C-alpha atoms as a PDB file:
ATOM      1  CA  MET A   1      74.160-136.696  -3.984  1.00  0.00           C
ATOM      2  CA  LEU A   2      72.346-134.400  -1.576  1.00  0.00           C
ATOM      3  CA  VAL A   3      74.511-132.605   0.978  1.00  0.00           C
ATOM      4  CA  GLU A   4      72.894-131.697   4.264  1.00  0.00           C
ATOM      5  CA  TYR A   5      73.242-127.952   5.081  1.00  0.00           C
ATOM      6  CA  ILE A   6      74.402-127.317   8.570  1.00  0.00           C
ATOM      7  CA  PRO A   7      73.945-123.631   9.628  1.00  0.00           C
ATOM      8  CA  LEU A   8      77.007-121.954  11.065  1.00  0.00           C
ATOM      9  CA  GLN A   9      76.893-121.225  14.762  1.00  0.00           C
ATOM     10  CA  MET A  10      76.867-117.458  15.495  1.00  0.00           C
ATOM     11  CA  VAL A  11      79.684-116.317  17.764  1.00  0.00           C
ATOM     12  CA  ASN A  12      79.581-112.952  19.583  1.00  0.00           C
ATOM     13  CA  PHE A  13      83.209-112.144  20.241  1.00  0.00           C
ATOM     14  CA  VAL A  14      84.432-109.643  22.856  1.00  0.00           C
ATOM     15  CA  LEU A  15      87.627-107.575  22.747  1.00  0.00           C
ATOM     16  CA  GLU A  16      87.925-106.171  26.248  1.00  0.00           C
ATOM     17  CA  HIS A  17      90.994-104.224  25.258  1.00  0.00           C
ATOM     18  CA  LEU A  18      88.834-101.915  23.076  1.00  0.00           C
ATOM     19  CA  ALA A  19      86.552-100.820  25.920  1.00  0.00           C
ATOM     20  CA  SER A  20      86.114 -97.051  26.182  1.00  0.00           C
ATOM     21  CA  GLU A  21      84.518 -94.424  28.422  1.00  0.00           C
ATOM     22  CA  VAL A  22      83.739 -90.832  27.409  1.00  0.00           C
ATOM     23  CA  THR A  23      82.371 -87.750  29.160  1.00  0.00           C
ATOM     24  CA  LEU A  24      80.451 -85.031  27.376  1.00  0.00           C
ATOM     25  CA  GLY A  25      82.003 -81.592  27.294  1.00  0.00           C
ATOM     26  CA  LEU A  26      78.635 -79.860  27.055  1.00  0.00           C
ATOM     27  CA  LEU A  27      75.814 -79.690  29.565  1.00  0.00           C
ATOM     28  CA  GLY A  28      72.241 -80.222  28.412  1.00  0.00           C
ATOM     29  CA  ASN A  29      70.080 -77.281  29.415  1.00  0.00           C
ATOM     30  CA  VAL A  30      66.464 -76.216  29.386  1.00  0.00           C
ATOM     31  CA  PHE A  31      64.631 -72.929  29.444  1.00  0.00           C
ATOM     32  CA  SER A  32      64.081 -72.273  33.123  1.00  0.00           C
ATOM     33  CA  GLU A  33      63.869 -69.291  35.416  1.00  0.00           C
ATOM     34  CA  SER A  34      63.595 -68.729  39.136  1.00  0.00           C
ATOM     35  CA  ILE A  35      60.338 -67.528  40.660  1.00  0.00           C
ATOM     36  CA  PRO A  36      60.646 -63.865  41.700  1.00  0.00           C
ATOM     37  CA  THR A  37      59.815 -62.715  45.208  1.00  0.00           C
ATOM     38  CA  LEU A  38      56.743 -60.524  45.678  1.00  0.00           C
ATOM     39  CA  GLU A  39      56.797 -57.860  48.374  1.00  0.00           C
ATOM     40  CA  SER A  40      53.306 -57.034  49.667  1.00  0.00           C
ATOM     41  CA  ASP A  41      51.349 -55.906  52.710  1.00  0.00           C
ATOM     42  CA  ALA A  42      48.846 -58.758  52.568  1.00  0.00           C
ATOM     43  CA  ILE A  43      47.845 -61.858  50.614  1.00  0.00           C
ATOM     44  CA  ALA A  44      44.351 -62.181  49.151  1.00  0.00           C
ATOM     45  CA  VAL A  45      43.224 -65.527  47.738  1.00  0.00           C
ATOM     46  CA  GLN A  46      41.036 -66.781  44.909  1.00  0.00           C
ATOM     47  CA  TYR A  47      40.539 -70.433  43.987  1.00  0.00           C
ATOM     48  CA  ILE A  48      40.831 -71.918  40.499  1.00  0.00           C
ATOM     49  CA  THR A  49      40.200 -75.603  39.810  1.00  0.00           C
ATOM     50  CA  LEU A  50      42.835 -77.855  38.277  1.00  0.00           C
ATOM     51  CA  ASP A  51      40.735 -78.389  35.150  1.00  0.00           C
ATOM     52  CA  GLN A  52      40.206 -74.656  34.725  1.00  0.00           C
ATOM     53  CA  ILE A  53      43.897 -73.760  34.824  1.00  0.00           C
ATOM     54  CA  LYS A  54      44.902 -76.690  32.613  1.00  0.00           C
ATOM     55  CA  ALA A  55      42.393 -75.556  29.994  1.00  0.00           C
ATOM     56  CA  ILE A  56      44.087 -72.153  29.783  1.00  0.00           C
ATOM     57  CA  PHE A  57      47.819 -72.855  29.521  1.00  0.00           C
ATOM     58  CA  LYS A  58      49.049 -75.566  27.174  1.00  0.00           C
ATOM     59  CA  TYR A  59      52.175 -76.403  25.214  1.00  0.00           C
ATOM     60  CA  GLN A  60      53.295 -78.679  22.412  1.00  0.00           C
ATOM     61  CA  THR A  61      56.647 -80.288  21.773  1.00  0.00           C
ATOM     62  CA  ASP A  62      57.969 -83.294  19.884  1.00  0.00           C
ATOM     63  CA  SER A  63      61.232 -85.128  19.295  1.00  0.00           C
ATOM     64  CA  PHE A  64      60.875 -85.426  15.534  1.00  0.00           C
ATOM     65  CA  ASP A  65      63.962 -83.274  14.980  1.00  0.00           C
ATOM     66  CA  THR A  66      67.195 -82.610  16.861  1.00  0.00           C
ATOM     67  CA  VAL A  67      67.887 -79.050  15.830  1.00  0.00           C
ATOM     68  CA  ASN A  68      67.804 -75.895  17.941  1.00  0.00           C
ATOM     69  CA  GLU A  69      64.892 -73.994  16.479  1.00  0.00           C
ATOM     70  CA  ASP A  70      63.291 -71.480  18.842  1.00  0.00           C
ATOM     71  CA  ALA A  71      60.366 -71.147  16.447  1.00  0.00           C
ATOM     72  CA  SER A  72      59.451 -74.838  16.412  1.00  0.00           C
ATOM     73  CA  ASP A  73      60.826 -76.841  19.354  1.00  0.00           C
ATOM     74  CA  ILE A  74      58.187 -75.716  21.876  1.00  0.00           C
ATOM     75  CA  LYS A  75      54.894 -73.986  21.165  1.00  0.00           C
ATOM     76  CA  TYR A  76      52.982 -72.160  23.894  1.00  0.00           C
ATOM     77  CA  PHE A  77      49.190 -71.916  23.699  1.00  0.00           C
ATOM     78  CA  THR A  78      47.052 -69.637  25.872  1.00  0.00           C
ATOM     79  CA  HIS A  79      43.288 -70.124  25.565  1.00  0.00           C
ATOM     80  CA  TYR A  80      41.425 -66.884  26.214  1.00  0.00           C
ATOM     81  CA  ASP A  81      37.943 -68.405  26.110  1.00  0.00           C
ATOM     82  CA  ALA A  82      38.813 -70.696  29.021  1.00  0.00           C
ATOM     83  CA  PHE A  83      40.250 -67.783  30.987  1.00  0.00           C
ATOM     84  CA  ASN A  84      37.345 -65.474  30.201  1.00  0.00           C
ATOM     85  CA  ALA A  85      34.974 -68.051  31.711  1.00  0.00           C
ATOM     86  CA  LEU A  86      36.478 -67.265  35.126  1.00  0.00           C
ATOM     87  CA  ASP A  87      34.809 -64.587  37.242  1.00  0.00           C
ATOM     88  CA  ILE A  88      37.493 -63.534  39.686  1.00  0.00           C
ATOM     89  CA  ASN A  89      37.542 -59.774  40.088  1.00  0.00           C
ATOM     90  CA  PRO A  90      40.556 -59.265  42.409  1.00  0.00           C
ATOM     91  CA  ALA A  91      38.487 -56.926  44.597  1.00  0.00           C
ATOM     92  CA  ASN A  92      36.606 -60.071  45.662  1.00  0.00           C
ATOM     93  CA  ALA A  93      39.733 -62.009  46.636  1.00  0.00           C
ATOM     94  CA  MET A  94      39.362 -63.528  50.101  1.00  0.00           C
ATOM     95  CA  MET A  95      41.230 -62.231  53.130  1.00  0.00           C
ATOM     96  CA  ASP A  96      40.100 -65.095  55.387  1.00  0.00           C
ATOM     97  CA  ALA A  97      41.175 -68.117  53.316  1.00  0.00           C
ATOM     98  CA  ALA A  98      43.691 -70.554  54.764  1.00  0.00           C
ATOM     99  CA  GLU A  99      46.305 -69.166  52.375  1.00  0.00           C
ATOM    100  CA  SER A 100      45.511 -65.495  53.090  1.00  0.00           C
ATOM    101  CA  LEU A 101      47.812 -63.332  55.161  1.00  0.00           C
ATOM    102  CA  ASN A 102      47.647 -60.111  57.178  1.00  0.00           C
ATOM    103  CA  PRO A 103      44.045 -58.929  56.883  1.00  0.00           C
ATOM    104  CA  ILE A 104      43.358 -55.607  58.619  1.00  0.00           C
ATOM    105  CA  ALA A 105      40.434 -57.034  60.617  1.00  0.00           C
ATOM    106  CA  TYR A 106      42.669 -59.525  62.427  1.00  0.00           C
ATOM    107  CA  GLN A 107      45.421 -57.075  63.272  1.00  0.00           C
ATOM    108  CA  ASP A 108      43.361 -55.210  65.853  1.00  0.00           C
ATOM    109  CA  ALA A 109      42.385 -56.407  69.342  1.00  0.00           C
ATOM    110  CA  GLN A 110      38.958 -54.854  68.768  1.00  0.00           C
ATOM    111  CA  SER A 111      38.271 -57.177  65.855  1.00  0.00           C
ATOM    112  CA  ALA A 112      35.194 -59.323  65.983  1.00  0.00           C
ATOM    113  CA  ALA A 113      34.254 -62.119  63.642  1.00  0.00           C
ATOM    114  CA  PHE A 114      33.023 -60.865  60.291  1.00  0.00           C
ATOM    115  CA  ALA A 115      30.818 -62.731  57.834  1.00  0.00           C
ATOM    116  CA  LYS A 116      32.835 -64.325  55.040  1.00  0.00           C
ATOM    117  CA  ASN A 117      31.287 -62.024  52.443  1.00  0.00           C
ATOM    118  CA  LYS A 118      32.571 -59.063  54.476  1.00  0.00           C
ATOM    119  CA  MET A 119      36.143 -60.377  54.446  1.00  0.00           C
ATOM    120  CA  LEU A 120      37.065 -59.653  50.842  1.00  0.00           C
ATOM    121  CA  LEU A 121      39.831 -57.422  49.534  1.00  0.00           C
ATOM    122  CA  ALA A 122      37.416 -54.527  48.969  1.00  0.00           C
ATOM    123  CA  HIS A 123      36.453 -54.592  52.655  1.00  0.00           C
ATOM    124  CA  ASP A 124      40.059 -54.950  53.725  1.00  0.00           C
ATOM    125  CA  PHE A 125      41.129 -51.822  51.890  1.00  0.00           C
ATOM    126  CA  LEU A 126      38.221 -49.847  53.307  1.00  0.00           C
ATOM    127  CA  ARG A 127      39.252 -50.942  56.833  1.00  0.00           C
ATOM    128  CA  HIS A 128      42.859 -50.043  56.033  1.00  0.00           C
ATOM    129  CA  MET A 129      41.751 -46.581  54.963  1.00  0.00           C
ATOM    130  CA  ALA A 130      39.598 -46.126  58.077  1.00  0.00           C
ATOM    131  CA  LYS A 131      42.449 -47.230  60.329  1.00  0.00           C
ATOM    132  CA  ASP A 132      44.784 -44.729  58.652  1.00  0.00           C
ATOM    133  CA  LEU A 133      42.243 -41.899  58.993  1.00  0.00           C
ATOM    134  CA  PHE A 134      40.661 -42.642  62.392  1.00  0.00           C
ATOM    135  CA  GLY A 135      43.178 -44.882  64.159  1.00  0.00           C
ATOM    136  CA  THR A 136      40.923 -47.951  64.039  1.00  0.00           C
ATOM    137  CA  HIS A 137      39.440 -50.038  61.246  1.00  0.00           C
ATOM    138  CA  LEU A 138      36.083 -49.732  63.027  1.00  0.00           C
ATOM    139  CA  GLY A 139      36.080 -46.187  61.700  1.00  0.00           C
ATOM    140  CA  VAL A 140      34.407 -47.478  58.537  1.00  0.00           C
ATOM    141  CA  ASP A 141      31.114 -46.942  60.342  1.00  0.00           C
ATOM    142  CA  ILE A 142      31.865 -43.230  60.557  1.00  0.00           C
ATOM    143  CA  LEU A 143      31.914 -42.984  56.775  1.00  0.00           C
ATOM    144  CA  ASN A 144      28.616 -42.081  55.169  1.00  0.00           C
ATOM    145  CA  ASN A 145      29.296 -43.935  51.921  1.00  0.00           C
ATOM    146  CA  GLU A 146      30.676 -47.367  52.882  1.00  0.00           C
ATOM    147  CA  LYS A 147      28.618 -49.153  50.228  1.00  0.00           C
ATOM    148  CA  GLU A 148      29.632 -46.712  47.479  1.00  0.00           C
ATOM    149  CA  LEU A 149      33.311 -47.048  48.421  1.00  0.00           C
ATOM    150  CA  ILE A 150      33.096 -50.854  48.256  1.00  0.00           C
ATOM    151  CA  GLN A 151      31.433 -50.574  44.852  1.00  0.00           C
ATOM    152  CA  ASN A 152      34.136 -48.177  43.656  1.00  0.00           C
ATOM    153  CA  ILE A 153      36.919 -50.545  44.697  1.00  0.00           C
ATOM    154  CA  ARG A 154      35.205 -53.321  42.739  1.00  0.00           C
ATOM    155  CA  LEU A 155      34.792 -50.982  39.777  1.00  0.00           C
ATOM    156  CA  VAL A 156      38.461 -49.955  39.539  1.00  0.00           C
ATOM    157  CA  CYS A 157      39.516 -53.580  40.024  1.00  0.00           C
ATOM    158  CA  GLY A 158      36.920 -54.819  37.525  1.00  0.00           C
ATOM    159  CA  ASP A 159      36.682 -55.025  33.747  1.00  0.00           C
ATOM    160  CA  SER A 160      34.684 -51.967  32.759  1.00  0.00           C
ATOM    161  CA  GLU A 161      37.500 -50.214  30.877  1.00  0.00           C
ATOM    162  CA  GLU A 162      41.225 -49.982  30.270  1.00  0.00           C
ATOM    163  CA  GLY A 163      43.114 -49.196  33.452  1.00  0.00           C
ATOM    164  CA  CYS A 164      40.840 -51.398  35.562  1.00  0.00           C
ATOM    165  CA  THR A 165      42.638 -54.452  36.959  1.00  0.00           C
ATOM    166  CA  TRP A 166      40.489 -57.284  35.591  1.00  0.00           C
ATOM    167  CA  PHE A 167      40.135 -55.552  32.208  1.00  0.00           C
ATOM    168  CA  ASP A 168      43.922 -55.235  31.878  1.00  0.00           C
ATOM    169  CA  ILE A 169      44.528 -58.816  33.021  1.00  0.00           C
ATOM    170  CA  LYS A 170      42.103 -60.159  30.437  1.00  0.00           C
ATOM    171  CA  ALA A 171      43.681 -57.934  27.776  1.00  0.00           C
ATOM    172  CA  ALA A 172      47.132 -59.351  28.602  1.00  0.00           C
ATOM    173  CA  ILE A 173      45.767 -62.897  28.260  1.00  0.00           C
ATOM    174  CA  ALA A 174      43.943 -62.113  25.010  1.00  0.00           C
ATOM    175  CA  ALA A 175      47.040 -60.525  23.458  1.00  0.00           C
ATOM    176  CA  VAL A 176      48.962 -63.809  23.592  1.00  0.00           C
ATOM    177  CA  SER A 177      46.041 -66.180  23.129  1.00  0.00           C
ATOM    178  CA  THR A 178      45.252 -68.622  20.351  1.00  0.00           C
ATOM    179  CA  THR A 179      42.732 -66.114  18.965  1.00  0.00           C
ATOM    180  CA  SER A 180      45.039 -63.086  19.130  1.00  0.00           C
ATOM    181  CA  THR A 181      45.635 -60.876  16.099  1.00  0.00           C
ATOM    182  CA  ALA A 182      48.993 -59.618  17.403  1.00  0.00           C
ATOM    183  CA  ALA A 183      51.766 -59.609  14.813  1.00  0.00           C
ATOM    184  CA  ASP A 184      54.336 -61.387  16.996  1.00  0.00           C
ATOM    185  CA  LEU A 185      52.298 -64.586  17.295  1.00  0.00           C
ATOM    186  CA  THR A 186      52.872 -67.584  15.041  1.00  0.00           C
ATOM    187  CA  GLY A 187      50.202 -69.604  13.276  1.00  0.00           C
ATOM    188  CA  LEU A 188      48.603 -70.235   9.938  1.00  0.00           C
ATOM    189  CA  ALA A 189      46.958 -67.166   8.453  1.00  0.00           C
ATOM    190  CA  GLY A 190      43.200 -67.333   8.475  1.00  0.00           C
ATOM    191  CA  GLU A 191      42.994 -70.256  10.871  1.00  0.00           C
ATOM    192  CA  VAL A 192      40.738 -69.794  13.881  1.00  0.00           C
ATOM    193  CA  ASP A 193      42.092 -70.549  17.338  1.00  0.00           C
ATOM    194  CA  ALA A 194      45.501 -71.478  15.961  1.00  0.00           C
ATOM    195  CA  LYS A 195      47.945 -68.844  17.194  1.00  0.00           C
ATOM    196  CA  TYR A 196      50.798 -69.666  19.535  1.00  0.00           C
ATOM    197  CA  MET A 197      54.047 -68.253  20.867  1.00  0.00           C
ATOM    198  CA  THR A 198      57.537 -69.753  20.879  1.00  0.00           C
ATOM    199  CA  ASN A 199      60.883 -69.274  22.584  1.00  0.00           C
ATOM    200  CA  GLU A 200      61.624 -66.510  20.125  1.00  0.00           C
ATOM    201  CA  ASN A 201      59.688 -64.266  22.511  1.00  0.00           C
ATOM    202  CA  LYS A 202      61.512 -64.446  25.829  1.00  0.00           C
ATOM    203  CA  THR A 203      59.727 -61.490  27.449  1.00  0.00           C
ATOM    204  CA  THR A 204      57.310 -61.690  30.380  1.00  0.00           C
ATOM    205  CA  THR A 205      54.415 -61.110  27.971  1.00  0.00           C
ATOM    206  CA  ASN A 206      54.802 -64.737  26.838  1.00  0.00           C
ATOM    207  CA  LEU A 207      52.796 -65.873  29.858  1.00  0.00           C
ATOM    208  CA  CYS A 208      52.651 -69.585  29.117  1.00  0.00           C
ATOM    209  CA  ARG A 209      56.416 -69.690  28.523  1.00  0.00           C
ATOM    210  CA  VAL A 210      57.026 -67.933  31.860  1.00  0.00           C
ATOM    211  CA  LEU A 211      54.956 -70.575  33.655  1.00  0.00           C
ATOM    212  CA  PHE A 212      56.665 -73.372  31.711  1.00  0.00           C
ATOM    213  CA  SER A 213      60.122 -72.014  32.558  1.00  0.00           C
ATOM    214  CA  GLN A 214      59.370 -71.534  36.251  1.00  0.00           C
ATOM    215  CA  MET A 215      57.878 -75.022  36.415  1.00  0.00           C
ATOM    216  CA  MET A 216      60.943 -76.456  34.698  1.00  0.00           C
ATOM    217  CA  ALA A 217      63.210 -74.753  37.237  1.00  0.00           C
ATOM    218  CA  ASN A 218      61.218 -75.809  40.298  1.00  0.00           C
ATOM    219  CA  ALA A 219      59.372 -79.023  39.412  1.00  0.00           C
ATOM    220  CA  ALA A 220      61.035 -80.477  36.320  1.00  0.00           C
ATOM    221  CA  SER A 221      60.062 -84.041  37.302  1.00  0.00           C
ATOM    222  CA  ARG A 222      56.453 -83.242  36.413  1.00  0.00           C
ATOM    223  CA  PHE A 223      57.413 -83.371  32.759  1.00  0.00           C
ATOM    224  CA  ALA A 224      58.119 -87.097  33.036  1.00  0.00           C
ATOM    225  CA  SER A 225      54.649 -87.644  31.584  1.00  0.00           C
ATOM    226  CA  ILE A 226      55.358 -85.474  28.558  1.00  0.00           C
ATOM    227  CA  ALA A 227      53.809 -86.882  25.389  1.00  0.00           C
ATOM    228  CA  ASP A 228      55.749 -87.138  22.123  1.00  0.00           C
ATOM    229  CA  SER A 229      52.959 -85.644  20.107  1.00  0.00           C
ATOM    230  CA  GLN A 230      51.971 -82.772  17.879  1.00  0.00           C
ATOM    231  CA  ASP A 231      48.862 -82.266  20.020  1.00  0.00           C
ATOM    232  CA  GLU A 232      48.601 -79.633  22.750  1.00  0.00           C
ATOM    233  CA  GLN A 233      49.021 -80.831  26.311  1.00  0.00           C
ATOM    234  CA  PRO A 234      48.316 -78.879  29.487  1.00  0.00           C
ATOM    235  CA  LEU A 235      51.130 -77.588  31.653  1.00  0.00           C
ATOM    236  CA  PRO A 236      51.414 -80.132  34.496  1.00  0.00           C
ATOM    237  CA  PHE A 237      49.922 -78.032  37.271  1.00  0.00           C
ATOM    238  CA  GLU A 238      49.063 -79.772  40.518  1.00  0.00           C
ATOM    239  CA  VAL A 239      46.636 -79.085  43.363  1.00  0.00           C
ATOM    240  CA  SER A 240      47.992 -76.449  45.802  1.00  0.00           C
ATOM    241  CA  ASP A 241      50.082 -74.723  43.144  1.00  0.00           C
ATOM    242  CA  SER A 242      49.402 -71.005  42.892  1.00  0.00           C
ATOM    243  CA  ILE A 243      49.807 -68.158  40.430  1.00  0.00           C
ATOM    244  CA  ARG A 244      50.599 -64.827  42.071  1.00  0.00           C
ATOM    245  CA  PHE A 245      50.778 -61.172  41.100  1.00  0.00           C
ATOM    246  CA  LYS A 246      50.685 -57.793  42.815  1.00  0.00           C
ATOM    247  CA  LEU A 247      47.758 -55.404  43.052  1.00  0.00           C
ATOM    248  CA  THR A 248      48.479 -51.940  44.433  1.00  0.00           C
ATOM    249  CA  VAL A 249      45.421 -50.026  45.659  1.00  0.00           C
ATOM    250  CA  ASN A 250      45.654 -46.263  46.156  1.00  0.00           C
ATOM    251  CA  PRO A 251      43.113 -44.060  47.948  1.00  0.00           C
ATOM    252  CA  ALA A 252      41.421 -41.267  46.034  1.00  0.00           C
ATOM    253  CA  GLU A 253      43.526 -38.121  45.778  1.00  0.00           C
ATOM    254  CA  GLY A 254      42.981 -35.869  48.769  1.00  0.00           C
ATOM    255  CA  GLN A 255      41.487 -38.588  50.970  1.00  0.00           C
ATOM    256  CA  LYS A 256      43.719 -37.442  53.851  1.00  0.00           C
ATOM    257  CA  LEU A 257      41.841 -34.126  54.062  1.00  0.00           C
ATOM    258  CA  LEU A 258      38.951 -35.920  55.756  1.00  0.00           C
ATOM    259  CA  THR A 259      40.896 -35.886  59.031  1.00  0.00           C
ATOM    260  CA  ARG A 260      44.238 -34.212  58.263  1.00  0.00           C
ATOM    261  CA  GLN A 261      45.737 -31.072  56.832  1.00  0.00           C
ATOM    262  CA  GLU A 262      47.197 -30.453  53.391  1.00  0.00           C
ATOM    263  CA  ALA A 263      50.748 -30.737  54.705  1.00  0.00           C
ATOM    264  CA  ASP A 264      50.074 -34.063  56.434  1.00  0.00           C
ATOM    265  CA  PRO A 265      50.893 -37.466  54.912  1.00  0.00           C
ATOM    266  CA  GLU A 266      48.470 -39.004  52.426  1.00  0.00           C
ATOM    267  CA  VAL A 267      46.553 -42.167  53.285  1.00  0.00           C
ATOM    268  CA  GLU A 268      48.964 -45.026  52.647  1.00  0.00           C
ATOM    269  CA  THR A 269      48.808 -47.238  49.589  1.00  0.00           C
ATOM    270  CA  ARG A 270      48.168 -50.918  50.329  1.00  0.00           C
ATOM    271  CA  VAL A 271      49.891 -53.591  48.257  1.00  0.00           C
ATOM    272  CA  TYR A 272      48.217 -56.979  47.891  1.00  0.00           C
ATOM    273  CA  GLU A 273      49.571 -60.225  46.584  1.00  0.00           C
ATOM    274  CA  ILE A 274      46.717 -61.799  44.663  1.00  0.00           C
ATOM    275  CA  ARG A 275      47.157 -65.557  44.915  1.00  0.00           C
ATOM    276  CA  TRP A 276      45.218 -67.843  42.590  1.00  0.00           C
ATOM    277  CA  VAL A 277      45.380 -71.155  44.422  1.00  0.00           C
ATOM    278  CA  ILE A 278      44.710 -74.317  42.410  1.00  0.00           C
ATOM    279  CA  VAL A 279      42.249 -76.705  44.044  1.00  0.00           C
ATOM    280  CA  ALA A 280      40.865 -80.133  43.188  1.00  0.00           C
ATOM    281  CA  ASN A 281      37.999 -80.141  40.705  1.00  0.00           C
ATOM    282  CA  ASP A 282      35.625 -81.679  43.259  1.00  0.00           C
ATOM    283  CA  ASP A 283      36.727 -79.570  46.242  1.00  0.00           C
ATOM    284  CA  ASP A 284      33.511 -78.284  47.830  1.00  0.00           C
ATOM    285  CA  VAL A 285      35.301 -76.637  50.772  1.00  0.00           C
ATOM    286  CA  LYS A 286      37.742 -74.326  49.047  1.00  0.00           C
ATOM    287  CA  VAL A 287      35.344 -72.208  47.027  1.00  0.00           C
ATOM    288  CA  ASN A 288      35.338 -68.489  46.306  1.00  0.00           C
ATOM    289  CA  THR A 289      33.125 -66.385  48.566  1.00  0.00           C
ATOM    290  CA  ALA A 290      30.403 -64.578  46.634  1.00  0.00           C
ATOM    291  CA  PRO A 291      30.043 -60.807  47.278  1.00  0.00           C
ATOM    292  CA  ALA A 292      27.222 -59.727  49.571  1.00  0.00           C
ATOM    293  CA  ALA A 293      23.957 -58.922  47.817  1.00  0.00           C
ATOM    294  CA  ASP A 294      23.460 -55.798  49.943  1.00  0.00           C
ATOM    295  CA  GLU A 295      26.558 -54.218  48.366  1.00  0.00           C
ATOM    296  CA  GLU A 296      25.398 -54.423  44.760  1.00  0.00           C
END
């Protein structure tokens, strides 16, 4: 005789008396650091597009393991080729951009409007020097070699040799880049464009990590779009972010002797904050001013 099978009804029982609540005794933490304050006499601005900056600084992380391994949890990639494509000699940073501050030409009641290509950092320092020597920035016209002085400022801030600002900046980027040959970088031997840095290097030379850490401390919510992947992903920069550093410009030794005596004070150094402001890729208003052709 066939017996009909009747499935048992599933019952999900509850024992309220066993309910529990716990609190962790350990805080989760991330690598983060505050953004230091820069003291300067003026702010000079250069624009970098969002795509340009995202092509330079990238990172990689995944959740495939749950161990604390500085050498593997986060990898920091800096792409020198993308950075080297930029042409932003700091001597050509703008003193009349919306984000600029304290240009010499606008500190004096005698100031008239200058052409944009005469409102760059190189011009600002020359006016600063003239004001120190003659009491007015209009004293630049007294100098016989204005053009040569402008060219010299661009030279020492350029990339002609070690000790020049742009040369040293590019060298610092190259040293930690994916194509670096430095011994403290990680990557497979012989692979091209495969080097990276990790949290094992916590110094300021690990540029991408510094940016990552400052972003984590000040805008951690941006990492909500983080991908669980072994592929590189750009640091989540946004329009109007900026990267800043100091540039100190000194006059040539003995410059004071043009109008003063040996015992008198030297022409003052001028300290600039160079601010790389990130703009939208299609922004046709915020663009870098090209140097004047008559100064080449």
